[in-house]
Amino acid sequence: MVRLHVKRGDESQFLLDTTVDESVDSLIHHITAIYNLRLKVMRVCSEMVDLADHGITLPPNMQGLSAEQIVDLKLRDDWEDTCVPSGGVVFRKDKIGRRNGQAPIDSMKQLMVKTTQEAKALISKKQVEANVCVTMNMIKESLDLLRGAIMIVYPMGLPPHDPVRMELENREDLSGTQASLEVMEEDECQLWWAAKELQRGSKLLDYVGRNEKTKVVVKIQKKGQGAPGREPLVTDAQQKQMMMHYYRRQEELKKLDEADDDSYLDSEWSDGQALKRHFQGLSKIKWGPR
């Protein structure tokens, strides 16, 4: 199996096992699917933390309005009485006015937060350091964990306009958001290796040969962005260590420069005539009154 280390820019994303006979088109399809689903898991986790803190999302026509404005406009959240968390609610006001503030009790909140941590750990970039490949099954498991936690805390379900439900039902609308810029569309994706683009219609063996026991670092890039920049020869951590070593060396040289004088010539041990005067009885002669 050929192991691909997928990066975006200089940042590691995940590991993927494949074969040299795999086509570039198939690789791009597989890589973009994993990459985008990992982003989905992270978005769901982020929204679930807000859900645990401040309750369900208000209808779009009520978001951002103050309580007085909602009363004046005679608006009502029809989902507030239906989508009630298990065990009751705790009021935690959402300062930005996006959620209704009817948050789950602490035990349910902890369940949701713990689940998000477990889901993120499955598809974390740290899996690269652990030499673990991220698969579609692992991503599906992450989404199932999140879906299960929602069903436990909100047995009656979430409003259809809540971002968590929209994400889990693949109805999310990312237009105009920063998240939309992170998504990698399959037809816009390019694979780069060794400063060369892997052309669609070819196979991986056309670039790396027939050796299956190969590890290849590939970078994904959007069309029109050109070749990815070369990575620095040393990492940030290595550069910091080098700077610390250089600074310590400078301090040592400064101390040596300060100690580079001839004051030692006045010491008794450096007197070349001391032995001669000792035998002549002239070694401890003091001049002056007693």
Protein backbone atom coordinates (compact mmCIF):
# COMPACT_ATOMS: atom_id res chain seq x y z
CA MET A 1 0.00 0.00 0.00
CA VAL A 2 1.14 3.53 -0.80
CA ARG A 3 0.60 5.90 2.11
CA LEU A 4 -0.34 9.45 1.17
CA HIS A 5 0.35 12.26 3.63
CA VAL A 6 -2.21 14.87 2.57
CA LYS A 7 -1.43 18.51 3.29
CA ARG A 8 -3.10 21.86 2.63
CA GLY A 9 -0.35 24.44 2.45
CA ASP A 10 2.20 23.54 5.13
CA GLU A 11 -0.44 22.03 7.44
CA SER A 12 -0.95 18.29 7.69
CA GLN A 13 -4.52 17.06 7.18
CA PHE A 14 -4.65 13.25 7.26
CA LEU A 15 -3.06 10.01 6.06
CA LEU A 16 -4.59 7.87 3.33
CA ASP A 17 -3.67 4.38 2.13
CA THR A 18 -3.99 3.63 -1.58
CA THR A 19 -2.22 1.70 -4.37
CA VAL A 20 -0.02 2.74 -7.27
CA ASP A 21 -2.73 1.55 -9.68
CA GLU A 22 -5.20 4.11 -8.32
CA SER A 23 -6.16 6.79 -10.84
CA VAL A 24 -5.59 10.45 -10.02
CA ASP A 25 -9.30 11.16 -10.59
CA SER A 26 -10.25 8.54 -8.01
CA LEU A 27 -7.69 9.89 -5.56
CA ILE A 28 -9.01 13.43 -5.91
CA HIS A 29 -12.57 12.18 -5.35
CA HIS A 30 -11.56 10.25 -2.23
CA ILE A 31 -9.33 12.99 -0.79
CA THR A 32 -11.86 15.81 -1.28
CA ALA A 33 -14.62 13.66 0.26
CA ILE A 34 -12.57 13.01 3.41
CA TYR A 35 -11.31 16.59 3.56
CA ASN A 36 -14.79 18.13 3.31
CA LEU A 37 -16.39 15.65 5.72
CA ARG A 38 -13.70 16.43 8.29
CA LEU A 39 -14.66 20.08 7.95
CA LYS A 40 -18.32 19.11 8.44
CA VAL A 41 -17.50 17.26 11.67
CA MET A 42 -15.62 20.29 12.97
CA ARG A 43 -18.53 22.61 12.08
CA VAL A 44 -21.05 20.34 13.82
CA CYS A 45 -18.83 20.17 16.92
CA SER A 46 -18.54 23.95 17.02
CA GLU A 47 -22.32 24.41 16.72
CA MET A 48 -22.97 21.70 19.31
CA VAL A 49 -20.86 23.54 21.87
CA ASP A 50 -22.99 26.66 21.26
CA LEU A 51 -26.12 24.50 21.47
CA ALA A 52 -24.96 23.15 24.84
CA ASP A 53 -24.24 26.68 26.07
CA HIS A 54 -27.27 28.62 24.81
CA GLY A 55 -29.93 26.23 23.52
CA ILE A 56 -31.54 25.95 20.09
CA THR A 57 -31.21 28.54 17.32
CA LEU A 58 -33.92 31.17 17.01
CA PRO A 59 -35.86 31.45 13.75
CA PRO A 60 -33.98 33.56 11.17
CA ASN A 61 -36.42 36.50 11.55
CA MET A 62 -35.74 36.69 15.31
CA GLN A 63 -31.96 36.38 15.36
CA GLY A 64 -30.06 39.44 16.55
CA LEU A 65 -33.16 41.18 17.94
CA SER A 66 -33.50 42.31 21.53
CA ALA A 67 -36.31 41.04 23.76
CA GLU A 68 -38.09 44.38 23.43
CA GLN A 69 -37.92 44.28 19.65
CA ILE A 70 -39.31 40.74 19.60
CA VAL A 71 -42.26 41.87 21.76
CA ASP A 72 -42.88 44.97 19.66
CA LEU A 73 -42.85 42.95 16.44
CA LYS A 74 -45.03 40.25 18.05
CA LEU A 75 -42.67 37.49 17.00
CA ARG A 76 -42.79 34.02 18.53
CA ASP A 77 -40.49 30.99 18.43
CA ASP A 78 -42.88 28.11 17.73
CA TRP A 79 -40.13 25.56 18.40
CA GLU A 80 -39.27 26.73 21.93
CA ASP A 81 -41.91 24.58 23.61
CA THR A 82 -41.31 21.57 21.36
CA CYS A 83 -37.51 21.27 21.29
CA VAL A 84 -36.90 21.01 25.03
CA PRO A 85 -33.73 19.27 26.27
CA SER A 86 -33.94 16.21 28.51
CA GLY A 87 -33.89 16.92 32.24
CA GLY A 88 -35.03 20.52 31.92
CA VAL A 89 -33.42 23.80 30.97
CA VAL A 90 -31.04 26.36 32.43
CA PHE A 91 -31.25 29.89 31.14
CA ARG A 92 -27.95 31.08 29.66
CA LYS A 93 -28.44 34.20 27.57
CA ASP A 94 -26.81 34.32 24.16
CA LYS A 95 -25.18 37.75 23.94
CA ILE A 96 -25.29 37.81 20.14
CA GLY A 97 -28.99 36.92 20.08
CA ARG A 98 -28.63 33.88 17.87
CA ARG A 99 -29.96 31.21 20.27
CA ASN A 100 -32.91 31.27 22.68
CA GLY A 101 -30.90 30.79 25.90
CA GLN A 102 -32.85 27.67 26.99
CA ALA A 103 -29.74 25.55 27.51
CA PRO A 104 -29.58 21.93 28.70
CA ILE A 105 -28.78 21.20 32.34
CA ASP A 106 -25.12 20.69 33.26
CA SER A 107 -25.12 16.88 32.97
CA MET A 108 -26.57 17.03 29.43
CA LYS A 109 -24.18 19.83 28.55
CA GLN A 110 -21.20 17.76 29.67
CA LEU A 111 -22.46 14.83 27.60
CA MET A 112 -22.55 17.01 24.47
CA VAL A 113 -19.14 18.56 25.10
CA LYS A 114 -17.53 15.18 25.79
CA THR A 115 -19.05 13.74 22.61
CA THR A 116 -17.68 16.58 20.50
CA GLN A 117 -14.22 15.96 21.95
CA GLU A 118 -14.43 12.26 21.08
CA ALA A 119 -15.66 13.00 17.57
CA LYS A 120 -12.89 15.51 16.91
CA ALA A 121 -10.26 13.13 18.27
CA LEU A 122 -11.23 10.49 15.69
CA ILE A 123 -10.53 12.78 12.73
CA SER A 124 -7.90 15.01 14.35
CA LYS A 125 -4.78 16.14 12.51
CA LYS A 126 -2.87 14.55 15.38
CA GLN A 127 -3.69 11.20 13.80
CA VAL A 128 -0.89 12.00 11.33
CA GLU A 129 1.62 12.07 14.19
CA ALA A 130 0.18 8.78 15.47
CA ASN A 131 0.55 7.29 11.96
CA VAL A 132 -3.17 6.50 11.79
CA CYS A 133 -5.08 6.79 8.52
CA VAL A 134 -8.42 8.59 8.57
CA THR A 135 -11.08 6.59 6.72
CA MET A 136 -14.67 7.25 5.67
CA ASN A 137 -15.79 4.80 8.36
CA MET A 138 -14.05 6.87 11.03
CA ILE A 139 -15.77 10.02 9.81
CA LYS A 140 -19.12 8.21 9.74
CA GLU A 141 -18.47 7.07 13.31
CA SER A 142 -17.77 10.67 14.35
CA LEU A 143 -21.04 11.87 12.81
CA ASP A 144 -22.94 8.98 14.40
CA LEU A 145 -21.54 9.92 17.81
CA LEU A 146 -22.71 13.50 17.38
CA ARG A 147 -26.11 12.42 16.07
CA GLY A 148 -26.54 10.05 19.02
CA ALA A 149 -25.75 12.77 21.56
CA ILE A 150 -28.34 15.07 19.97
CA MET A 151 -30.97 12.33 20.13
CA ILE A 152 -30.24 11.80 23.84
CA VAL A 153 -30.32 15.47 24.82
CA TYR A 154 -33.06 16.53 22.38
CA PRO A 155 -35.34 13.48 21.97
CA MET A 156 -37.96 15.65 20.23
CA GLY A 157 -35.37 16.77 17.70
CA LEU A 158 -34.02 20.17 16.73
CA PRO A 159 -35.74 22.92 14.71
CA PRO A 160 -35.29 22.51 10.94
CA HIS A 161 -33.39 25.82 10.84
CA ASP A 162 -30.85 24.81 13.51
CA PRO A 163 -27.32 24.55 11.98
CA VAL A 164 -26.62 21.22 13.75
CA ARG A 165 -29.67 19.57 12.21
CA MET A 166 -28.99 21.15 8.82
CA GLU A 167 -25.41 19.83 8.86
CA LEU A 168 -26.45 16.33 9.88
CA GLU A 169 -29.11 16.28 7.16
CA ASN A 170 -26.69 17.72 4.57
CA ARG A 171 -28.84 20.83 4.11
CA GLU A 172 -26.25 23.33 5.29
CA ASP A 173 -25.95 26.64 3.44
CA LEU A 174 -22.39 27.96 3.70
CA SER A 175 -22.71 30.72 1.13
CA GLY A 176 -21.16 33.97 2.30
CA THR A 177 -19.36 32.37 5.25
CA GLN A 178 -15.71 31.75 5.99
CA ALA A 179 -16.46 28.03 6.06
CA SER A 180 -17.39 28.12 2.37
CA LEU A 181 -13.85 29.22 1.52
CA GLU A 182 -12.40 26.18 3.26
CA VAL A 183 -14.48 23.65 1.33
CA MET A 184 -12.62 21.97 -1.54
CA GLU A 185 -14.83 21.21 -4.54
CA GLU A 186 -13.82 18.06 -6.42
CA ASP A 187 -13.70 19.73 -9.85
CA GLU A 188 -11.53 22.55 -8.46
CA CYS A 189 -9.07 20.33 -6.60
CA GLN A 190 -5.52 19.70 -7.79
CA LEU A 191 -2.98 17.26 -6.35
CA TRP A 192 0.68 18.29 -6.22
CA TRP A 193 3.74 16.22 -5.46
CA ALA A 194 7.41 17.20 -5.79
CA ALA A 195 6.41 20.53 -7.38
CA LYS A 196 4.47 18.66 -10.10
CA GLU A 197 0.72 18.50 -10.59
CA LEU A 198 -0.74 15.00 -10.77
CA GLN A 199 -2.71 15.18 -13.98
CA ARG A 200 -6.22 13.80 -14.20
CA GLY A 201 -6.50 10.77 -16.46
CA SER A 202 -3.18 9.37 -15.25
CA LYS A 203 -2.36 6.91 -12.49
CA LEU A 204 -0.29 7.28 -9.35
CA LEU A 205 2.31 4.85 -10.70
CA ASP A 206 3.08 7.33 -13.50
CA TYR A 207 4.66 9.54 -10.85
CA VAL A 208 5.90 7.34 -8.01
CA GLY A 209 6.64 4.10 -9.84
CA ARG A 210 5.47 0.60 -8.93
CA ASN A 211 6.88 0.39 -5.42
CA GLU A 212 3.88 -0.12 -3.14
CA LYS A 213 5.92 0.49 0.02
CA THR A 214 6.13 4.22 -0.53
CA LYS A 215 5.13 7.24 1.52
CA VAL A 216 4.24 10.31 -0.53
CA VAL A 217 3.47 13.83 0.68
CA VAL A 218 0.81 15.35 -1.57
CA LYS A 219 -0.72 18.79 -1.32
CA ILE A 220 -4.22 19.79 -2.33
CA GLN A 221 -4.70 23.12 -4.03
CA LYS A 222 -7.54 24.92 -5.75
CA LYS A 223 -7.32 25.57 -9.47
CA GLY A 224 -5.78 28.88 -10.37
CA GLN A 225 -3.71 29.16 -7.21
CA GLY A 226 -0.58 27.75 -8.87
CA ALA A 227 1.91 25.40 -7.31
CA PRO A 228 2.01 25.23 -3.50
CA GLY A 229 4.88 27.08 -1.89
CA ARG A 230 7.91 25.13 -0.79
CA GLU A 231 8.03 24.29 2.87
CA PRO A 232 10.79 25.81 5.02
CA LEU A 233 13.82 23.60 5.61
CA VAL A 234 13.37 23.85 9.38
CA THR A 235 10.18 23.89 11.42
CA ASP A 236 9.21 26.70 13.78
CA ALA A 237 10.21 24.57 16.76
CA GLN A 238 13.62 23.81 15.24
CA GLN A 239 14.14 27.48 14.42
CA LYS A 240 13.37 28.46 18.03
CA GLN A 241 15.87 25.87 19.31
CA MET A 242 18.53 27.20 16.93
CA MET A 243 17.90 30.79 18.06
CA MET A 244 18.10 29.77 21.72
CA HIS A 245 21.39 27.96 21.08
CA TYR A 246 22.78 30.99 19.20
CA TYR A 247 21.74 33.33 22.04
CA ARG A 248 23.38 31.11 24.70
CA ARG A 249 26.54 30.94 22.61
CA GLN A 250 26.62 34.73 22.33
CA GLU A 251 26.31 35.08 26.10
CA GLU A 252 29.18 32.63 26.62
CA LEU A 253 31.41 34.56 24.21
CA LYS A 254 30.59 37.82 25.99
CA LYS A 255 31.68 36.32 29.32
CA LEU A 256 34.89 35.05 27.74
CA ASP A 257 35.63 38.50 26.29
CA GLU A 258 35.09 40.13 29.67
CA ALA A 259 37.51 37.64 31.30
CA ASP A 260 40.19 38.15 28.63
CA ASP A 261 42.63 40.37 30.59
CA ASP A 262 46.16 40.04 32.08
CA SER A 263 45.25 40.60 35.75
CA TYR A 264 46.42 37.05 36.46
CA LEU A 265 50.04 38.28 35.94
CA ASP A 266 49.90 39.88 39.39
CA SER A 267 49.20 36.49 41.00
CA GLU A 268 51.96 34.75 42.98
CA TRP A 269 51.62 31.51 41.02
CA SER A 270 52.44 33.30 37.76
CA ASP A 271 55.75 34.78 39.07
CA GLY A 272 58.63 32.99 37.30
CA GLN A 273 61.19 34.18 39.90
CA ALA A 274 59.25 32.98 42.95
CA LEU A 275 61.25 29.74 43.35
CA LYS A 276 64.60 31.52 43.07
CA ARG A 277 63.67 34.09 45.73
CA HIS A 278 62.43 31.31 47.99
CA PHE A 279 65.85 29.59 48.09
CA GLN A 280 67.62 32.90 48.52
CA GLY A 281 65.44 33.77 51.50
CA LEU A 282 63.94 36.73 49.76
CA SER A 283 60.42 35.43 49.32
CA LYS A 284 58.52 37.06 52.19
CA ILE A 285 60.30 40.35 52.65
CA LYS A 286 58.11 43.28 53.69
CA TRP A 287 59.19 46.88 53.35
CA GLY A 288 58.04 49.43 55.85
CA PRO A 289 57.92 49.96 59.61
CA ARG A 290 56.95 47.05 61.86
